[in-house]
C-alpha atoms as a PDB file:
ATOM      1  CA  MET A   1      79.723  49.718  40.044  1.00  0.00           C
ATOM      2  CA  ASP A   2      77.638  46.822  38.699  1.00  0.00           C
ATOM      3  CA  LEU A   3      77.791  43.925  41.158  1.00  0.00           C
ATOM      4  CA  SER A   4      75.308  41.666  39.396  1.00  0.00           C
ATOM      5  CA  ILE A   5      76.449  38.177  38.468  1.00  0.00           C
ATOM      6  CA  VAL A   6      76.820  37.711  34.724  1.00  0.00           C
ATOM      7  CA  ASN A   7      76.261  34.215  33.413  1.00  0.00           C
ATOM      8  CA  HIS A   8      76.358  34.839  29.665  1.00  0.00           C
ATOM      9  CA  LEU A   9      78.448  36.765  27.141  1.00  0.00           C
ATOM     10  CA  PHE A  10      77.320  37.462  23.581  1.00  0.00           C
ATOM     11  CA  LEU A  11      79.168  39.054  20.708  1.00  0.00           C
ATOM     12  CA  THR A  12      77.264  40.787  17.908  1.00  0.00           C
ATOM     13  CA  PRO A  13      78.713  42.761  14.970  1.00  0.00           C
ATOM     14  CA  ARG A  14      78.343  45.935  17.060  1.00  0.00           C
ATOM     15  CA  PHE A  15      78.364  45.018  20.767  1.00  0.00           C
ATOM     16  CA  LEU A  16      79.746  42.786  23.471  1.00  0.00           C
ATOM     17  CA  VAL A  17      76.675  41.929  25.538  1.00  0.00           C
ATOM     18  CA  LYS A  18      76.910  40.712  29.134  1.00  0.00           C
ATOM     19  CA  GLY A  19      73.878  39.474  31.033  1.00  0.00           C
ATOM     20  CA  ASN A  20      71.680  36.574  31.997  1.00  0.00           C
ATOM     21  CA  VAL A  21      69.401  34.437  29.828  1.00  0.00           C
ATOM     22  CA  ARG A  22      66.814  32.092  31.303  1.00  0.00           C
ATOM     23  CA  THR A  23      67.652  28.765  29.681  1.00  0.00           C
ATOM     24  CA  GLY A  24      65.622  26.504  31.954  1.00  0.00           C
ATOM     25  CA  ASP A  25      67.659  23.344  32.535  1.00  0.00           C
ATOM     26  CA  LEU A  26      69.413  23.576  29.150  1.00  0.00           C
ATOM     27  CA  ARG A  27      73.011  24.503  28.497  1.00  0.00           C
ATOM     28  CA  LEU A  28      73.259  27.699  26.462  1.00  0.00           C
ATOM     29  CA  SER A  29      74.289  25.930  23.227  1.00  0.00           C
ATOM     30  CA  ALA A  30      71.249  23.608  23.351  1.00  0.00           C
ATOM     31  CA  PHE A  31      68.997  26.507  24.316  1.00  0.00           C
ATOM     32  CA  LEU A  32      70.152  28.674  21.394  1.00  0.00           C
ATOM     33  CA  ASN A  33      69.524  25.797  18.974  1.00  0.00           C
ATOM     34  CA  SER A  34      66.017  25.315  20.422  1.00  0.00           C
ATOM     35  CA  VAL A  35      64.877  28.961  20.350  1.00  0.00           C
ATOM     36  CA  ARG A  36      62.332  29.566  17.607  1.00  0.00           C
ATOM     37  CA  ARG A  37      61.688  33.237  18.385  1.00  0.00           C
ATOM     38  CA  PRO A  38      63.680  35.867  16.493  1.00  0.00           C
ATOM     39  CA  MET A  39      64.599  37.771  19.678  1.00  0.00           C
ATOM     40  CA  LEU A  40      66.520  36.590  22.741  1.00  0.00           C
ATOM     41  CA  SER A  41      65.615  38.141  26.128  1.00  0.00           C
ATOM     42  CA  VAL A  42      68.615  39.106  28.269  1.00  0.00           C
ATOM     43  CA  GLU A  43      68.301  40.354  31.868  1.00  0.00           C
ATOM     44  CA  SER A  44      70.711  42.515  33.904  1.00  0.00           C
ATOM     45  CA  VAL A  45      72.329  43.437  30.633  1.00  0.00           C
ATOM     46  CA  THR A  46      75.328  45.587  29.707  1.00  0.00           C
ATOM     47  CA  PHE A  47      76.121  46.463  26.091  1.00  0.00           C
ATOM     48  CA  VAL A  48      79.689  47.553  25.299  1.00  0.00           C
ATOM     49  CA  GLU A  49      80.088  49.150  21.873  1.00  0.00           C
ATOM     50  CA  PHE A  50      82.981  47.969  19.649  1.00  0.00           C
ATOM     51  CA  GLU A  51      84.164  51.266  18.249  1.00  0.00           C
ATOM     52  CA  LYS A  52      84.334  53.516  21.303  1.00  0.00           C
ATOM     53  CA  GLY A  53      83.683  51.221  24.243  1.00  0.00           C
ATOM     54  CA  ASP A  54      80.525  53.136  25.203  1.00  0.00           C
ATOM     55  CA  ARG A  55      78.327  51.268  27.704  1.00  0.00           C
ATOM     56  CA  ILE A  56      74.566  50.865  27.914  1.00  0.00           C
ATOM     57  CA  VAL A  57      73.175  49.237  31.068  1.00  0.00           C
ATOM     58  CA  ALA A  58      69.569  48.062  31.334  1.00  0.00           C
ATOM     59  CA  ARG A  59      67.371  45.796  33.410  1.00  0.00           C
ATOM     60  CA  SER A  60      66.475  43.811  30.294  1.00  0.00           C
ATOM     61  CA  ALA A  61      66.917  43.904  26.535  1.00  0.00           C
ATOM     62  CA  ALA A  62      66.221  41.801  23.471  1.00  0.00           C
ATOM     63  CA  LEU A  63      68.920  40.642  21.061  1.00  0.00           C
ATOM     64  CA  ARG A  64      68.211  39.541  17.518  1.00  0.00           C
ATOM     65  CA  LEU A  65      69.223  35.881  17.558  1.00  0.00           C
ATOM     66  CA  ALA A  66      70.360  35.963  13.920  1.00  0.00           C
ATOM     67  CA  ASP A  67      72.875  38.731  14.776  1.00  0.00           C
ATOM     68  CA  LEU A  68      74.788  36.724  17.381  1.00  0.00           C
ATOM     69  CA  LEU A  69      78.338  35.933  16.292  1.00  0.00           C
ATOM     70  CA  LEU A  70      79.209  33.923  19.356  1.00  0.00           C
ATOM     71  CA  ALA A  71      78.160  33.268  22.934  1.00  0.00           C
ATOM     72  CA  TYR A  72      79.687  31.974  26.145  1.00  0.00           C
ATOM     73  CA  GLU A  73      78.117  30.552  29.299  1.00  0.00           C
ATOM     74  CA  VAL A  74      79.992  30.810  32.591  1.00  0.00           C
ATOM     75  CA  ILE A  75      79.969  27.339  34.149  1.00  0.00           C
ATOM     76  CA  ASP A  76      81.595  26.495  37.460  1.00  0.00           C
ATOM     77  CA  LEU A  77      82.850  22.913  37.410  1.00  0.00           C
ATOM     78  CA  SER A  78      85.482  23.434  40.094  1.00  0.00           C
ATOM     79  CA  GLY A  79      83.356  21.951  42.875  1.00  0.00           C
ATOM     80  CA  ASP A  80      82.568  18.745  40.990  1.00  0.00           C
ATOM     81  CA  PRO A  81      85.709  16.874  39.871  1.00  0.00           C
ATOM     82  CA  LEU A  82      83.734  14.060  38.192  1.00  0.00           C
ATOM     83  CA  ARG A  83      81.711  16.512  36.093  1.00  0.00           C
ATOM     84  CA  LYS A  84      84.878  18.409  35.232  1.00  0.00           C
ATOM     85  CA  ARG A  85      86.573  15.213  34.006  1.00  0.00           C
ATOM     86  CA  LEU A  86      83.474  14.182  32.036  1.00  0.00           C
ATOM     87  CA  ALA A  87      83.384  17.628  30.413  1.00  0.00           C
ATOM     88  CA  GLN A  88      86.866  17.072  28.942  1.00  0.00           C
ATOM     89  CA  PRO A  89      86.261  15.680  25.442  1.00  0.00           C
ATOM     90  CA  ASP A  90      88.533  13.212  23.668  1.00  0.00           C
ATOM     91  CA  PRO A  91      90.998  15.266  21.534  1.00  0.00           C
ATOM     92  CA  SER A  92      90.665  12.827  18.608  1.00  0.00           C
ATOM     93  CA  GLU A  93      87.019  13.914  18.187  1.00  0.00           C
ATOM     94  CA  PHE A  94      88.140  17.411  17.181  1.00  0.00           C
ATOM     95  CA  ARG A  95      89.943  19.208  14.364  1.00  0.00           C
ATOM     96  CA  MET A  96      91.461  22.690  14.165  1.00  0.00           C
ATOM     97  CA  VAL A  97      89.636  25.249  12.055  1.00  0.00           C
ATOM     98  CA  SER A  98      89.792  28.923  11.255  1.00  0.00           C
ATOM     99  CA  ALA A  99      86.555  30.753  10.476  1.00  0.00           C
ATOM    100  CA  TYR A 100      85.820  34.274   9.302  1.00  0.00           C
ATOM    101  CA  PHE A 101      82.561  35.973  10.206  1.00  0.00           C
ATOM    102  CA  ARG A 102      80.382  37.601   7.552  1.00  0.00           C
ATOM    103  CA  ALA A 103      80.905  41.256   6.614  1.00  0.00           C
ATOM    104  CA  PRO A 104      81.006  43.834   8.062  1.00  0.00           C
ATOM    105  CA  SER A 105      82.665  41.929  10.921  1.00  0.00           C
ATOM    106  CA  PRO A 106      86.482  41.876  10.653  1.00  0.00           C
ATOM    107  CA  LEU A 107      86.716  38.995  13.126  1.00  0.00           C
ATOM    108  CA  GLU A 108      88.317  35.588  12.708  1.00  0.00           C
ATOM    109  CA  ILE A 109      87.986  32.756  15.201  1.00  0.00           C
ATOM    110  CA  VAL A 110      90.411  29.832  15.448  1.00  0.00           C
ATOM    111  CA  GLY A 111      89.852  26.740  17.557  1.00  0.00           C
ATOM    112  CA  ARG A 112      88.923  23.071  17.780  1.00  0.00           C
ATOM    113  CA  VAL A 113      85.519  21.811  16.607  1.00  0.00           C
ATOM    114  CA  ARG A 114      83.942  18.357  16.400  1.00  0.00           C
ATOM    115  CA  ARG A 115      84.861  16.456  13.249  1.00  0.00           C
ATOM    116  CA  ASP A 116      81.193  16.141  12.232  1.00  0.00           C
ATOM    117  CA  LEU A 117      80.598  19.912  12.297  1.00  0.00           C
ATOM    118  CA  LEU A 118      79.845  20.240   8.588  1.00  0.00           C
ATOM    119  CA  ASP A 119      77.423  17.284   8.706  1.00  0.00           C
ATOM    120  CA  ALA A 120      75.181  18.846  11.360  1.00  0.00           C
ATOM    121  CA  PRO A 121      71.448  18.740  10.573  1.00  0.00           C
ATOM    122  CA  PRO A 122      69.454  21.889   9.749  1.00  0.00           C
ATOM    123  CA  GLY A 123      68.395  23.705  12.887  1.00  0.00           C
ATOM    124  CA  ASP A 124      71.726  23.214  14.650  1.00  0.00           C
ATOM    125  CA  ASP A 125      72.897  26.728  13.869  1.00  0.00           C
ATOM    126  CA  PHE A 126      75.063  27.055  16.982  1.00  0.00           C
ATOM    127  CA  PHE A 127      78.104  24.844  17.573  1.00  0.00           C
ATOM    128  CA  VAL A 128      80.803  24.696  20.237  1.00  0.00           C
ATOM    129  CA  MET A 129      84.417  25.653  19.479  1.00  0.00           C
ATOM    130  CA  MET A 130      86.997  24.635  22.078  1.00  0.00           C
ATOM    131  CA  GLU A 131      89.879  26.922  23.106  1.00  0.00           C
ATOM    132  CA  PRO A 132      88.902  29.707  20.689  1.00  0.00           C
ATOM    133  CA  ILE A 133      91.238  32.511  19.724  1.00  0.00           C
ATOM    134  CA  LEU A 134      89.425  35.612  18.504  1.00  0.00           C
ATOM    135  CA  ARG A 135      91.388  37.808  16.092  1.00  0.00           C
ATOM    136  CA  GLY A 136      90.511  41.209  14.715  1.00  0.00           C
ATOM    137  CA  LEU A 137      89.412  43.093  17.821  1.00  0.00           C
ATOM    138  CA  ALA A 138      90.945  46.536  18.127  1.00  0.00           C
ATOM    139  CA  GLU A 139      93.394  46.813  21.008  1.00  0.00           C
ATOM    140  CA  LYS A 140      92.232  48.441  24.227  1.00  0.00           C
ATOM    141  CA  ILE A 141      88.668  49.286  23.192  1.00  0.00           C
ATOM    142  CA  SER A 142      87.493  48.541  26.699  1.00  0.00           C
ATOM    143  CA  SER A 143      88.641  46.247  29.486  1.00  0.00           C
ATOM    144  CA  ASP A 144      85.300  44.436  29.066  1.00  0.00           C
ATOM    145  CA  PHE A 145      86.663  42.761  25.933  1.00  0.00           C
ATOM    146  CA  GLU A 146      89.363  41.038  28.016  1.00  0.00           C
ATOM    147  CA  ALA A 147      86.613  38.544  28.900  1.00  0.00           C
ATOM    148  CA  LEU A 148      86.851  37.198  25.328  1.00  0.00           C
ATOM    149  CA  LYS A 149      90.491  36.181  25.779  1.00  0.00           C
ATOM    150  CA  ASN A 150      91.277  32.714  27.108  1.00  0.00           C
ATOM    151  CA  LEU A 151      87.727  31.377  26.912  1.00  0.00           C
ATOM    152  CA  PRO A 152      87.679  27.582  27.323  1.00  0.00           C
ATOM    153  CA  TYR A 153      85.048  27.426  24.579  1.00  0.00           C
ATOM    154  CA  ALA A 154      82.691  29.597  22.526  1.00  0.00           C
ATOM    155  CA  ILE A 155      79.288  28.892  21.041  1.00  0.00           C
ATOM    156  CA  VAL A 156      79.513  30.045  17.416  1.00  0.00           C
ATOM    157  CA  ASN A 157      76.586  30.955  15.147  1.00  0.00           C
ATOM    158  CA  ARG A 158      77.093  28.969  11.922  1.00  0.00           C
ATOM    159  CA  ALA A 159      74.791  31.377  10.028  1.00  0.00           C
ATOM    160  CA  GLN A 160      77.224  34.244  10.702  1.00  0.00           C
ATOM    161  CA  LEU A 161      80.249  32.483   9.185  1.00  0.00           C
ATOM    162  CA  HIS A 162      81.540  33.543   5.775  1.00  0.00           C
ATOM    163  CA  CYS A 163      84.053  30.699   5.380  1.00  0.00           C
ATOM    164  CA  LEU A 164      85.732  27.961   7.369  1.00  0.00           C
ATOM    165  CA  PHE A 165      89.190  26.437   6.816  1.00  0.00           C
ATOM    166  CA  GLU A 166      90.385  23.117   8.230  1.00  0.00           C
ATOM    167  CA  TYR A 167      93.908  22.535   9.510  1.00  0.00           C
ATOM    168  CA  GLU A 168      95.182  18.963   9.272  1.00  0.00           C
END
């Protein structure tokens, strides 16, 4: 049984990846937008394969940054009520969208994004989607994929999106 604490989840076209990334003092979304290397180092890592649910566990691994579909950082705000309240954005700043990832991924993600998403400058490849719903995962691949349900947010790789639809 793996008792290590996992701080980050990543989804690629082939794997769910659980592990830890050293981000310094940056939140994961800011860190991913600042990385200029093609590979992302992940420690205490577990890969769970989409098709069969096979697992690969390693002390460390490198992920190709361009292959990330989405990411999530576990943040505990329960002990700090002020920070928790400040982390709640104004709903009027957001709009509902549906986005499909590039082939061969069959996944769709639906959620709320900032209204200025499409106006983001070059280099901001990763954006935050609030209350995402991920569609297209096969049922009961592995219990590990349950972690992707009911996420409060996801960090989405804009470069991996095929199309994006707005709901008004």
